[in-house]
Amino acid sequence: MPRHGIYIALATLGVIVSFAYFIPATLELGFIGGWASAFTAPAFSVGLTWDLIFTDLIVFAMATVDRDRLGRGYFVGTIVMGFTLGVCAALAVYAVGMRRERSLQR
């Protein structure tokens, strides 16, 4: 599998699995109604959860592929933030680690 193939595979799975839950709820409730009921409609909530899980897996894969560039601290920080606080925190740690790596190259 190419270096970025894991990102594409996880993104594709995330879209297929989460939209399998999103589409019926969105068709039934409409787009705005679907998002408004995201935390109350069981099928939609499950789709949202799967979407977040696959997004987190993509961030973990990115960190794993770039672990040498990130350094040990930012690599572990990305994984820990993904497990404890979520995707946004993991992406922030990943972005800071990658920016730090770029500034070290100059």
PDB file of N, CA and C in Angstrom:
ATOM      1  N   MET A   1       0.862  -1.184   0.000  1.00  0.00           N
ATOM      2  CA  MET A   1       0.000   0.000   0.000  1.00  0.00           C
ATOM      3  C   MET A   1       0.903   1.240   0.000  1.00  0.00           C
ATOM      4  N   PRO A   2       0.614   2.221  -0.855  1.00  0.00           N
ATOM      5  CA  PRO A   2       1.433   3.440  -0.862  1.00  0.00           C
ATOM      6  C   PRO A   2       1.394   4.140   0.495  1.00  0.00           C
ATOM      7  N   ARG A   3       2.355   5.033   0.696  1.00  0.00           N
ATOM      8  CA  ARG A   3       2.485   5.713   1.985  1.00  0.00           C
ATOM      9  C   ARG A   3       1.182   6.340   2.446  1.00  0.00           C
ATOM     10  N   HIS A   4       0.467   6.995   1.543  1.00  0.00           N
ATOM     11  CA  HIS A   4      -0.770   7.668   1.918  1.00  0.00           C
ATOM     12  C   HIS A   4      -2.007   6.802   1.658  1.00  0.00           C
ATOM     13  N   GLY A   5      -1.788   5.565   1.259  1.00  0.00           N
ATOM     14  CA  GLY A   5      -2.912   4.668   0.999  1.00  0.00           C
ATOM     15  C   GLY A   5      -3.756   4.414   2.222  1.00  0.00           C
ATOM     16  N   ILE A   6      -3.136   4.379   3.395  1.00  0.00           N
ATOM     17  CA  ILE A   6      -3.900   4.150   4.628  1.00  0.00           C
ATOM     18  C   ILE A   6      -4.863   5.299   4.889  1.00  0.00           C
ATOM     19  N   TYR A   7      -4.450   6.535   4.569  1.00  0.00           N
ATOM     20  CA  TYR A   7      -5.335   7.684   4.753  1.00  0.00           C
ATOM     21  C   TYR A   7      -6.562   7.538   3.860  1.00  0.00           C
ATOM     22  N   ILE A   8      -6.307   7.172   2.612  1.00  0.00           N
ATOM     23  CA  ILE A   8      -7.401   7.042   1.649  1.00  0.00           C
ATOM     24  C   ILE A   8      -8.322   5.903   2.051  1.00  0.00           C
ATOM     25  N   ALA A   9      -7.760   4.780   2.474  1.00  0.00           N
ATOM     26  CA  ALA A   9      -8.576   3.641   2.886  1.00  0.00           C
ATOM     27  C   ALA A   9      -9.437   3.974   4.104  1.00  0.00           C
ATOM     28  N   LEU A  10      -8.826   4.610   5.111  1.00  0.00           N
ATOM     29  CA  LEU A  10      -9.591   4.974   6.309  1.00  0.00           C
ATOM     30  C   LEU A  10     -10.647   6.033   5.991  1.00  0.00           C
ATOM     31  N   ALA A  11     -10.298   6.998   5.168  1.00  0.00           N
ATOM     32  CA  ALA A  11     -11.277   8.031   4.798  1.00  0.00           C
ATOM     33  C   ALA A  11     -12.446   7.418   4.044  1.00  0.00           C
ATOM     34  N   THR A  12     -12.162   6.503   3.134  1.00  0.00           N
ATOM     35  CA  THR A  12     -13.231   5.843   2.378  1.00  0.00           C
ATOM     36  C   THR A  12     -14.123   5.033   3.301  1.00  0.00           C
ATOM     37  N   LEU A  13     -13.508   4.257   4.196  1.00  0.00           N
ATOM     38  CA  LEU A  13     -14.308   3.491   5.159  1.00  0.00           C
ATOM     39  C   LEU A  13     -15.134   4.409   6.052  1.00  0.00           C
ATOM     40  N   GLY A  14     -14.529   5.513   6.490  1.00  0.00           N
ATOM     41  CA  GLY A  14     -15.258   6.463   7.330  1.00  0.00           C
ATOM     42  C   GLY A  14     -16.469   7.026   6.629  1.00  0.00           C
ATOM     43  N   VAL A  15     -16.312   7.386   5.368  1.00  0.00           N
ATOM     44  CA  VAL A  15     -17.440   7.930   4.601  1.00  0.00           C
ATOM     45  C   VAL A  15     -18.521   6.870   4.423  1.00  0.00           C
ATOM     46  N   ILE A  16     -18.134   5.675   4.030  1.00  0.00           N
ATOM     47  CA  ILE A  16     -19.122   4.620   3.772  1.00  0.00           C
ATOM     48  C   ILE A  16     -19.870   4.246   5.045  1.00  0.00           C
ATOM     49  N   VAL A  17     -19.139   3.980   6.131  1.00  0.00           N
ATOM     50  CA  VAL A  17     -19.780   3.539   7.372  1.00  0.00           C
ATOM     51  C   VAL A  17     -20.630   4.648   7.984  1.00  0.00           C
ATOM     52  N   SER A  18     -20.073   5.867   8.104  1.00  0.00           N
ATOM     53  CA  SER A  18     -20.830   6.925   8.754  1.00  0.00           C
ATOM     54  C   SER A  18     -22.025   7.359   7.906  1.00  0.00           C
ATOM     55  N   PHE A  19     -21.863   7.425   6.582  1.00  0.00           N
ATOM     56  CA  PHE A  19     -22.983   7.841   5.754  1.00  0.00           C
ATOM     57  C   PHE A  19     -24.060   6.776   5.650  1.00  0.00           C
ATOM     58  N   ALA A  20     -23.715   5.523   5.907  1.00  0.00           N
ATOM     59  CA  ALA A  20     -24.742   4.484   5.969  1.00  0.00           C
ATOM     60  C   ALA A  20     -25.731   4.791   7.094  1.00  0.00           C
ATOM     61  N   TYR A  21     -25.246   5.470   8.142  1.00  0.00           N
ATOM     62  CA  TYR A  21     -26.118   5.888   9.232  1.00  0.00           C
ATOM     63  C   TYR A  21     -26.682   7.288   8.990  1.00  0.00           C
ATOM     64  N   PHE A  22     -25.866   8.203   8.426  1.00  0.00           N
ATOM     65  CA  PHE A  22     -26.306   9.586   8.206  1.00  0.00           C
ATOM     66  C   PHE A  22     -27.440   9.693   7.194  1.00  0.00           C
ATOM     67  N   ILE A  23     -27.318   9.002   6.057  1.00  0.00           N
ATOM     68  CA  ILE A  23     -28.244   9.195   4.944  1.00  0.00           C
ATOM     69  C   ILE A  23     -29.699   8.925   5.322  1.00  0.00           C
ATOM     70  N   PRO A  24     -30.023   7.789   5.939  1.00  0.00           N
ATOM     71  CA  PRO A  24     -31.440   7.572   6.281  1.00  0.00           C
ATOM     72  C   PRO A  24     -31.999   8.650   7.212  1.00  0.00           C
ATOM     73  N   ALA A  25     -31.232   9.046   8.220  1.00  0.00           N
ATOM     74  CA  ALA A  25     -31.715  10.081   9.139  1.00  0.00           C
ATOM     75  C   ALA A  25     -31.845  11.422   8.434  1.00  0.00           C
ATOM     76  N   THR A  26     -30.908  11.742   7.550  1.00  0.00           N
ATOM     77  CA  THR A  26     -30.964  13.005   6.819  1.00  0.00           C
ATOM     78  C   THR A  26     -32.144  13.021   5.863  1.00  0.00           C
ATOM     79  N   LEU A  27     -32.401  11.912   5.195  1.00  0.00           N
ATOM     80  CA  LEU A  27     -33.539  11.842   4.283  1.00  0.00           C
ATOM     81  C   LEU A  27     -34.861  11.947   5.038  1.00  0.00           C
ATOM     82  N   GLU A  28     -34.911  11.354   6.197  1.00  0.00           N
ATOM     83  CA  GLU A  28     -36.138  11.380   6.992  1.00  0.00           C
ATOM     84  C   GLU A  28     -36.383  12.753   7.619  1.00  0.00           C
ATOM     85  N   LEU A  29     -35.333  13.378   8.151  1.00  0.00           N
ATOM     86  CA  LEU A  29     -35.491  14.612   8.918  1.00  0.00           C
ATOM     87  C   LEU A  29     -35.080  15.875   8.164  1.00  0.00           C
ATOM     88  N   GLY A  30     -34.454  15.735   7.023  1.00  0.00           N
ATOM     89  CA  GLY A  30     -33.913  16.891   6.315  1.00  0.00           C
ATOM     90  C   GLY A  30     -32.539  17.224   6.872  1.00  0.00           C
ATOM     91  N   PHE A  31     -31.766  18.006   6.114  1.00  0.00           N
ATOM     92  CA  PHE A  31     -30.390  18.272   6.502  1.00  0.00           C
ATOM     93  C   PHE A  31     -30.292  18.975   7.849  1.00  0.00           C
ATOM     94  N   ILE A  32     -31.014  20.069   8.030  1.00  0.00           N
ATOM     95  CA  ILE A  32     -30.954  20.825   9.295  1.00  0.00           C
ATOM     96  C   ILE A  32     -31.537  19.996  10.432  1.00  0.00           C
ATOM     97  N   GLY A  33     -32.636  19.358  10.178  1.00  0.00           N
ATOM     98  CA  GLY A  33     -33.247  18.512  11.207  1.00  0.00           C
ATOM     99  C   GLY A  33     -32.352  17.351  11.594  1.00  0.00           C
ATOM    100  N   GLY A  34     -31.622  16.816  10.606  1.00  0.00           N
ATOM    101  CA  GLY A  34     -30.693  15.724  10.880  1.00  0.00           C
ATOM    102  C   GLY A  34     -29.574  16.158  11.804  1.00  0.00           C
ATOM    103  N   TRP A  35     -28.979  17.324  11.521  1.00  0.00           N
ATOM    104  CA  TRP A  35     -27.913  17.815  12.386  1.00  0.00           C
ATOM    105  C   TRP A  35     -28.443  18.221  13.750  1.00  0.00           C
ATOM    106  N   ALA A  36     -29.649  18.771  13.793  1.00  0.00           N
ATOM    107  CA  ALA A  36     -30.233  19.161  15.081  1.00  0.00           C
ATOM    108  C   ALA A  36     -30.477  17.944  15.966  1.00  0.00           C
ATOM    109  N   SER A  37     -30.765  16.811  15.340  1.00  0.00           N
ATOM    110  CA  SER A  37     -31.043  15.601  16.121  1.00  0.00           C
ATOM    111  C   SER A  37     -29.829  14.689  16.239  1.00  0.00           C
ATOM    112  N   ALA A  38     -28.660  15.223  15.949  1.00  0.00           N
ATOM    113  CA  ALA A  38     -27.446  14.393  15.923  1.00  0.00           C
ATOM    114  C   ALA A  38     -27.193  13.657  17.227  1.00  0.00           C
ATOM    115  N   PHE A  39     -27.590  14.245  18.327  1.00  0.00           N
ATOM    116  CA  PHE A  39     -27.313  13.601  19.607  1.00  0.00           C
ATOM    117  C   PHE A  39     -28.550  12.949  20.215  1.00  0.00           C
ATOM    118  N   THR A  40     -29.659  12.964  19.492  1.00  0.00           N
ATOM    119  CA  THR A  40     -30.861  12.313  20.007  1.00  0.00           C
ATOM    120  C   THR A  40     -31.331  11.168  19.128  1.00  0.00           C
ATOM    121  N   ALA A  41     -31.116  11.241  17.833  1.00  0.00           N
ATOM    122  CA  ALA A  41     -31.537  10.165  16.936  1.00  0.00           C
ATOM    123  C   ALA A  41     -30.463   9.074  16.941  1.00  0.00           C
ATOM    124  N   PRO A  42     -30.808   7.880  17.358  1.00  0.00           N
ATOM    125  CA  PRO A  42     -29.804   6.834  17.516  1.00  0.00           C
ATOM    126  C   PRO A  42     -28.968   6.557  16.254  1.00  0.00           C
ATOM    127  N   ALA A  43     -29.610   6.419  15.105  1.00  0.00           N
ATOM    128  CA  ALA A  43     -28.854   6.090  13.891  1.00  0.00           C
ATOM    129  C   ALA A  43     -27.891   7.211  13.524  1.00  0.00           C
ATOM    130  N   PHE A  44     -28.343   8.444  13.654  1.00  0.00           N
ATOM    131  CA  PHE A  44     -27.492   9.576  13.305  1.00  0.00           C
ATOM    132  C   PHE A  44     -26.328   9.682  14.276  1.00  0.00           C
ATOM    133  N   SER A  45     -26.590   9.460  15.549  1.00  0.00           N
ATOM    134  CA  SER A  45     -25.522   9.508  16.556  1.00  0.00           C
ATOM    135  C   SER A  45     -24.472   8.448  16.297  1.00  0.00           C
ATOM    136  N   VAL A  46     -24.903   7.269  15.911  1.00  0.00           N
ATOM    137  CA  VAL A  46     -23.960   6.201  15.609  1.00  0.00           C
ATOM    138  C   VAL A  46     -23.116   6.592  14.399  1.00  0.00           C
ATOM    139  N   GLY A  47     -23.718   7.199  13.385  1.00  0.00           N
ATOM    140  CA  GLY A  47     -22.975   7.656  12.219  1.00  0.00           C
ATOM    141  C   GLY A  47     -21.956   8.716  12.583  1.00  0.00           C
ATOM    142  N   LEU A  48     -22.352   9.646  13.425  1.00  0.00           N
ATOM    143  CA  LEU A  48     -21.439  10.699  13.875  1.00  0.00           C
ATOM    144  C   LEU A  48     -20.286  10.097  14.673  1.00  0.00           C
ATOM    145  N   THR A  49     -20.571   9.130  15.500  1.00  0.00           N
ATOM    146  CA  THR A  49     -19.536   8.460  16.276  1.00  0.00           C
ATOM    147  C   THR A  49     -18.551   7.743  15.359  1.00  0.00           C
ATOM    148  N   TRP A  50     -19.058   7.017  14.366  1.00  0.00           N
ATOM    149  CA  TRP A  50     -18.169   6.330  13.428  1.00  0.00           C
ATOM    150  C   TRP A  50     -17.329   7.316  12.637  1.00  0.00           C
ATOM    151  N   ASP A  51     -17.907   8.434  12.262  1.00  0.00           N
ATOM    152  CA  ASP A  51     -17.158   9.451  11.542  1.00  0.00           C
ATOM    153  C   ASP A  51     -15.983   9.944  12.387  1.00  0.00           C
ATOM    154  N   LEU A  52     -16.229  10.203  13.654  1.00  0.00           N
ATOM    155  CA  LEU A  52     -15.162  10.652  14.556  1.00  0.00           C
ATOM    156  C   LEU A  52     -14.112   9.568  14.785  1.00  0.00           C
ATOM    157  N   ILE A  53     -14.549   8.324  14.891  1.00  0.00           N
ATOM    158  CA  ILE A  53     -13.601   7.223  15.089  1.00  0.00           C
ATOM    159  C   ILE A  53     -12.660   7.107  13.894  1.00  0.00           C
ATOM    160  N   PHE A  54     -13.207   7.131  12.689  1.00  0.00           N
ATOM    161  CA  PHE A  54     -12.353   7.005  11.510  1.00  0.00           C
ATOM    162  C   PHE A  54     -11.467   8.233  11.333  1.00  0.00           C
ATOM    163  N   THR A  55     -11.957   9.407  11.685  1.00  0.00           N
ATOM    164  CA  THR A  55     -11.120  10.604  11.614  1.00  0.00           C
ATOM    165  C   THR A  55      -9.961  10.489  12.589  1.00  0.00           C
ATOM    166  N   ASP A  56     -10.229  10.008  13.788  1.00  0.00           N
ATOM    167  CA  ASP A  56      -9.164   9.790  14.770  1.00  0.00           C
ATOM    168  C   ASP A  56      -8.158   8.761  14.255  1.00  0.00           C
ATOM    169  N   LEU A  57      -8.629   7.700  13.618  1.00  0.00           N
ATOM    170  CA  LEU A  57      -7.725   6.696  13.069  1.00  0.00           C
ATOM    171  C   LEU A  57      -6.829   7.294  11.989  1.00  0.00           C
ATOM    172  N   ILE A  58      -7.366   8.214  11.192  1.00  0.00           N
ATOM    173  CA  ILE A  58      -6.560   8.872  10.171  1.00  0.00           C
ATOM    174  C   ILE A  58      -5.462   9.701  10.832  1.00  0.00           C
ATOM    175  N   VAL A  59      -5.804  10.430  11.892  1.00  0.00           N
ATOM    176  CA  VAL A  59      -4.796  11.221  12.605  1.00  0.00           C
ATOM    177  C   VAL A  59      -3.730  10.302  13.204  1.00  0.00           C
ATOM    178  N   PHE A  60      -4.139   9.170  13.766  1.00  0.00           N
ATOM    179  CA  PHE A  60      -3.167   8.209  14.301  1.00  0.00           C
ATOM    180  C   PHE A  60      -2.252   7.696  13.194  1.00  0.00           C
ATOM    181  N   ALA A  61      -2.829   7.410  12.023  1.00  0.00           N
ATOM    182  CA  ALA A  61      -2.016   6.934  10.896  1.00  0.00           C
ATOM    183  C   ALA A  61      -1.045   8.017  10.440  1.00  0.00           C
ATOM    184  N   MET A  62      -1.500   9.266  10.376  1.00  0.00           N
ATOM    185  CA  MET A  62      -0.619  10.369   9.989  1.00  0.00           C
ATOM    186  C   MET A  62       0.538  10.480  10.970  1.00  0.00           C
ATOM    187  N   ALA A  63       0.240  10.409  12.253  1.00  0.00           N
ATOM    188  CA  ALA A  63       1.282  10.521  13.272  1.00  0.00           C
ATOM    189  C   ALA A  63       2.256   9.354  13.187  1.00  0.00           C
ATOM    190  N   THR A  64       1.745   8.170  12.912  1.00  0.00           N
ATOM    191  CA  THR A  64       2.607   7.002  12.807  1.00  0.00           C
ATOM    192  C   THR A  64       3.542   7.118  11.608  1.00  0.00           C
ATOM    193  N   VAL A  65       3.018   7.529  10.476  1.00  0.00           N
ATOM    194  CA  VAL A  65       3.833   7.680   9.277  1.00  0.00           C
ATOM    195  C   VAL A  65       4.890   8.771   9.477  1.00  0.00           C
ATOM    196  N   ASP A  66       4.529   9.842  10.163  1.00  0.00           N
ATOM    197  CA  ASP A  66       5.434  10.981  10.363  1.00  0.00           C
ATOM    198  C   ASP A  66       6.114  10.981  11.727  1.00  0.00           C
ATOM    199  N   ARG A  67       6.167   9.842  12.401  1.00  0.00           N
ATOM    200  CA  ARG A  67       6.695   9.806  13.772  1.00  0.00           C
ATOM    201  C   ARG A  67       8.138  10.282  13.871  1.00  0.00           C
ATOM    202  N   ASP A  68       8.943  10.025  12.848  1.00  0.00           N
ATOM    203  CA  ASP A  68      10.331  10.499  12.890  1.00  0.00           C
ATOM    204  C   ASP A  68      10.397  12.018  12.779  1.00  0.00           C
ATOM    205  N   ARG A  69       9.536  12.590  11.947  1.00  0.00           N
ATOM    206  CA  ARG A  69       9.512  14.041  11.783  1.00  0.00           C
ATOM    207  C   ARG A  69       8.903  14.729  12.993  1.00  0.00           C
ATOM    208  N   LEU A  70       7.916  14.088  13.625  1.00  0.00           N
ATOM    209  CA  LEU A  70       7.255  14.678  14.789  1.00  0.00           C
ATOM    210  C   LEU A  70       8.153  14.649  16.027  1.00  0.00           C
ATOM    211  N   GLY A  71       8.900  13.602  16.168  1.00  0.00           N
ATOM    212  CA  GLY A  71       9.644  13.393  17.403  1.00  0.00           C
ATOM    213  C   GLY A  71       8.778  12.614  18.378  1.00  0.00           C
ATOM    214  N   ARG A  72       9.427  12.011  19.334  1.00  0.00           N
ATOM    215  CA  ARG A  72       8.724  11.127  20.266  1.00  0.00           C
ATOM    216  C   ARG A  72       7.617  11.837  21.052  1.00  0.00           C
ATOM    217  N   GLY A  73       7.914  13.028  21.571  1.00  0.00           N
ATOM    218  CA  GLY A  73       6.932  13.740  22.398  1.00  0.00           C
ATOM    219  C   GLY A  73       5.661  14.103  21.641  1.00  0.00           C
ATOM    220  N   TYR A  74       5.814  14.652  20.447  1.00  0.00           N
ATOM    221  CA  TYR A  74       4.637  15.047  19.675  1.00  0.00           C
ATOM    222  C   TYR A  74       3.891  13.837  19.129  1.00  0.00           C
ATOM    223  N   PHE A  75       4.625  12.762  18.808  1.00  0.00           N
ATOM    224  CA  PHE A  75       3.963  11.541  18.370  1.00  0.00           C
ATOM    225  C   PHE A  75       3.080  10.986  19.485  1.00  0.00           C
ATOM    226  N   VAL A  76       3.660  10.830  20.669  1.00  0.00           N
ATOM    227  CA  VAL A  76       2.889  10.312  21.817  1.00  0.00           C
ATOM    228  C   VAL A  76       1.765  11.291  22.170  1.00  0.00           C
ATOM    229  N   GLY A  77       2.053  12.597  22.122  1.00  0.00           N
ATOM    230  CA  GLY A  77       1.029  13.597  22.420  1.00  0.00           C
ATOM    231  C   GLY A  77      -0.156  13.516  21.473  1.00  0.00           C
ATOM    232  N   THR A  78       0.118  13.292  20.195  1.00  0.00           N
ATOM    233  CA  THR A  78      -0.970  13.163  19.212  1.00  0.00           C
ATOM    234  C   THR A  78      -1.845  11.965  19.534  1.00  0.00           C
ATOM    235  N   ILE A  79      -1.228  10.841  19.842  1.00  0.00           N
ATOM    236  CA  ILE A  79      -1.993   9.629  20.152  1.00  0.00           C
ATOM    237  C   ILE A  79      -2.790   9.812  21.448  1.00  0.00           C
ATOM    238  N   VAL A  80      -2.146  10.330  22.480  1.00  0.00           N
ATOM    239  CA  VAL A  80      -2.827  10.522  23.771  1.00  0.00           C
ATOM    240  C   VAL A  80      -3.996  11.497  23.628  1.00  0.00           C
ATOM    241  N   MET A  81      -3.778  12.607  22.946  1.00  0.00           N
ATOM    242  CA  MET A  81      -4.863  13.577  22.759  1.00  0.00           C
ATOM    243  C   MET A  81      -6.008  12.976  21.967  1.00  0.00           C
ATOM    244  N   GLY A  82      -5.689  12.144  20.991  1.00  0.00           N
ATOM    245  CA  GLY A  82      -6.745  11.487  20.219  1.00  0.00           C
ATOM    246  C   GLY A  82      -7.605  10.578  21.077  1.00  0.00           C
ATOM    247  N   PHE A  83      -6.960   9.884  22.019  1.00  0.00           N
ATOM    248  CA  PHE A  83      -7.721   8.989  22.898  1.00  0.00           C
ATOM    249  C   PHE A  83      -8.466   9.737  23.992  1.00  0.00           C
ATOM    250  N   THR A  84      -7.864  10.801  24.527  1.00  0.00           N
ATOM    251  CA  THR A  84      -8.466  11.445  25.695  1.00  0.00           C
ATOM    252  C   THR A  84      -9.392  12.597  25.342  1.00  0.00           C
ATOM    253  N   LEU A  85      -8.949  13.495  24.481  1.00  0.00           N
ATOM    254  CA  LEU A  85      -9.746  14.690  24.203  1.00  0.00           C
ATOM    255  C   LEU A  85     -10.439  14.676  22.848  1.00  0.00           C
ATOM    256  N   GLY A  86      -9.882  13.980  21.892  1.00  0.00           N
ATOM    257  CA  GLY A  86     -10.534  13.864  20.608  1.00  0.00           C
ATOM    258  C   GLY A  86      -9.705  14.356  19.442  1.00  0.00           C
ATOM    259  N   VAL A  87     -10.345  14.337  18.298  1.00  0.00           N
ATOM    260  CA  VAL A  87      -9.690  14.617  17.031  1.00  0.00           C
ATOM    261  C   VAL A  87      -9.099  16.024  16.986  1.00  0.00           C
ATOM    262  N   CYS A  88      -9.820  17.016  17.445  1.00  0.00           N
ATOM    263  CA  CYS A  88      -9.335  18.400  17.355  1.00  0.00           C
ATOM    264  C   CYS A  88      -8.043  18.582  18.149  1.00  0.00           C
ATOM    265  N   ALA A  89      -7.971  18.022  19.332  1.00  0.00           N
ATOM    266  CA  ALA A  89      -6.762  18.133  20.142  1.00  0.00           C
ATOM    267  C   ALA A  89      -5.614  17.371  19.492  1.00  0.00           C
ATOM    268  N   ALA A  90      -5.887  16.204  18.944  1.00  0.00           N
ATOM    269  CA  ALA A  90      -4.845  15.416  18.283  1.00  0.00           C
ATOM    270  C   ALA A  90      -4.309  16.147  17.059  1.00  0.00           C
ATOM    271  N   LEU A  91      -5.203  16.737  16.268  1.00  0.00           N
ATOM    272  CA  LEU A  91      -4.761  17.490  15.090  1.00  0.00           C
ATOM    273  C   LEU A  91      -3.925  18.698  15.481  1.00  0.00           C
ATOM    274  N   ALA A  92      -4.276  19.347  16.574  1.00  0.00           N
ATOM    275  CA  ALA A  92      -3.508  20.510  17.029  1.00  0.00           C
ATOM    276  C   ALA A  92      -2.090  20.094  17.419  1.00  0.00           C
ATOM    277  N   VAL A  93      -1.950  19.015  18.161  1.00  0.00           N
ATOM    278  CA  VAL A  93      -0.620  18.545  18.571  1.00  0.00           C
ATOM    279  C   VAL A  93       0.172  18.122  17.332  1.00  0.00           C
ATOM    280  N   TYR A  94      -0.473  17.432  16.414  1.00  0.00           N
ATOM    281  CA  TYR A  94       0.186  17.012  15.168  1.00  0.00           C
ATOM    282  C   TYR A  94       0.670  18.238  14.381  1.00  0.00           C
ATOM    283  N   ALA A  95      -0.174  19.231  14.234  1.00  0.00           N
ATOM    284  CA  ALA A  95       0.189  20.439  13.475  1.00  0.00           C
ATOM    285  C   ALA A  95       1.353  21.182  14.124  1.00  0.00           C
ATOM    286  N   VAL A  96       1.331  21.314  15.434  1.00  0.00           N
ATOM    287  CA  VAL A  96       2.427  21.994  16.139  1.00  0.00           C
ATOM    288  C   VAL A  96       3.721  21.196  15.973  1.00  0.00           C
ATOM    289  N   GLY A  97       3.640  19.880  16.081  1.00  0.00           N
ATOM    290  CA  GLY A  97       4.821  19.041  15.907  1.00  0.00           C
ATOM    291  C   GLY A  97       5.397  19.132  14.506  1.00  0.00           C
ATOM    292  N   MET A  98       4.551  19.165  13.503  1.00  0.00           N
ATOM    293  CA  MET A  98       5.028  19.277  12.125  1.00  0.00           C
ATOM    294  C   MET A  98       5.607  20.665  11.861  1.00  0.00           C
ATOM    295  N   ARG A  99       5.017  21.679  12.432  1.00  0.00           N
ATOM    296  CA  ARG A  99       5.555  23.042  12.267  1.00  0.00           C
ATOM    297  C   ARG A  99       6.916  23.139  12.940  1.00  0.00           C
ATOM    298  N   ARG A 100       7.049  22.557  14.112  1.00  0.00           N
ATOM    299  CA  ARG A 100       8.320  22.554  14.826  1.00  0.00           C
ATOM    300  C   ARG A 100       9.391  21.875  13.986  1.00  0.00           C
ATOM    301  N   GLU A 101       9.040  20.769  13.354  1.00  0.00           N
ATOM    302  CA  GLU A 101       9.987  20.022  12.539  1.00  0.00           C
ATOM    303  C   GLU A 101      10.448  20.867  11.348  1.00  0.00           C
ATOM    304  N   ARG A 102       9.523  21.583  10.731  1.00  0.00           N
ATOM    305  CA  ARG A 102       9.881  22.451   9.601  1.00  0.00           C
ATOM    306  C   ARG A 102      10.811  23.570  10.038  1.00  0.00           C
ATOM    307  N   SER A 103      10.570  24.132  11.212  1.00  0.00           N
ATOM    308  CA  SER A 103      11.421  25.227  11.680  1.00  0.00           C
ATOM    309  C   SER A 103      12.818  24.717  12.056  1.00  0.00           C
ATOM    310  N   LEU A 104      12.944  23.460  12.451  1.00  0.00           N
ATOM    311  CA  LEU A 104      14.258  22.888  12.762  1.00  0.00           C
ATOM    312  C   LEU A 104      15.089  22.663  11.504  1.00  0.00           C
ATOM    313  N   GLN A 105      14.408  22.482  10.363  1.00  0.00           N
ATOM    314  CA  GLN A 105      15.115  22.235   9.099  1.00  0.00           C
ATOM    315  C   GLN A 105      15.755  23.504   8.548  1.00  0.00           C
ATOM    316  N   ARG A 106      15.252  24.667   8.918  1.00  0.00           N
ATOM    317  CA  ARG A 106      15.759  25.933   8.375  1.00  0.00           C
ATOM    318  C   ARG A 106      17.090  26.276   8.868  1.00  0.00           C
TER     319      ARG A 106
END
